[in-house]
Amino acid sequence: MSETAVDEASKSERAYAWVRERISRHEFGPGYRLVLGPIAEALGMSVVPVREAIRRLEAEGLVTFERNVGARVAVVDEGEYVFTMQTLGLVEGAATALSAPLLTASDLDRALAVNGRMQSLLEHFDPHAFTTLNQQFHAVLFEPCPNPHILDLVHRGWTRLAGLRDSTFAIVPDRAQHSVQEHADIVDLIRTGADPLDVELAARNHRWRTLDAFLDARHRTGVSL
């Protein structure tokens, strides 16, 4: 690869990270038009690497392209949220089980410390702060996963989830208390050397229970994504 090609690839990666972060923070919300020129100007680069970054985000489902309109942040529907949560439950469960033998006592203590901070938020609930800590907790448990392909799918799932919702816990705050307890149970399984399948199922079902709680609230109250 030539030096020019390497430089373009580096710029494309930077543009990708820049746009994806703003989608995750909902600075670029659903339907937001992604105009190449202003983005390139903000990043101090040509539109070529920005175009490549947008194509990558389109492949991940975070961006859609409409003829005569251009690229926009994907508009969310309930089906996309369901599919993302179902998939994330599967791959995060597998990643957590594969990580379990590699997690140290210090790692598990760190996860419980994050969970303790989540517990402290329950009395005066802040769904956005709770969601941030929730991701930090799970990252401690899945990041050591030795399978890079599974880990990449987990990262894609979390990114997609951030693009879909700011915080599920804002809609189902009652789920937060159960989530904290389930976190402690997962850590306990890992610490006591439970069968990897038990760890995987605990992590998977934890994710799916959040999905079930959301769908229940959605269908009872008619609240939208």
Foldseek 3Di string as FASTA:
>chain_A
DDPVVVVLQVLLVVLLVVVLVCLLQCVQAAFRADDQPVSCVVSVHDSVSNVVSLVVCVVLVQWDQDPPRGIGGHDDAPVLLVVLLLQLLQLLLLLLLQCLVVQDPVLLVVLLVLLVVLVVCLVVPDQQVNVVSVVVSSCSRRVSRPDVVSVVSNVSSSSVNSSHDSGLCVQVVVLSVVLSVLSVVLSVCSVVVHNSVVSSVSSSVSSVVSVVSSVVSCVVPVDTD
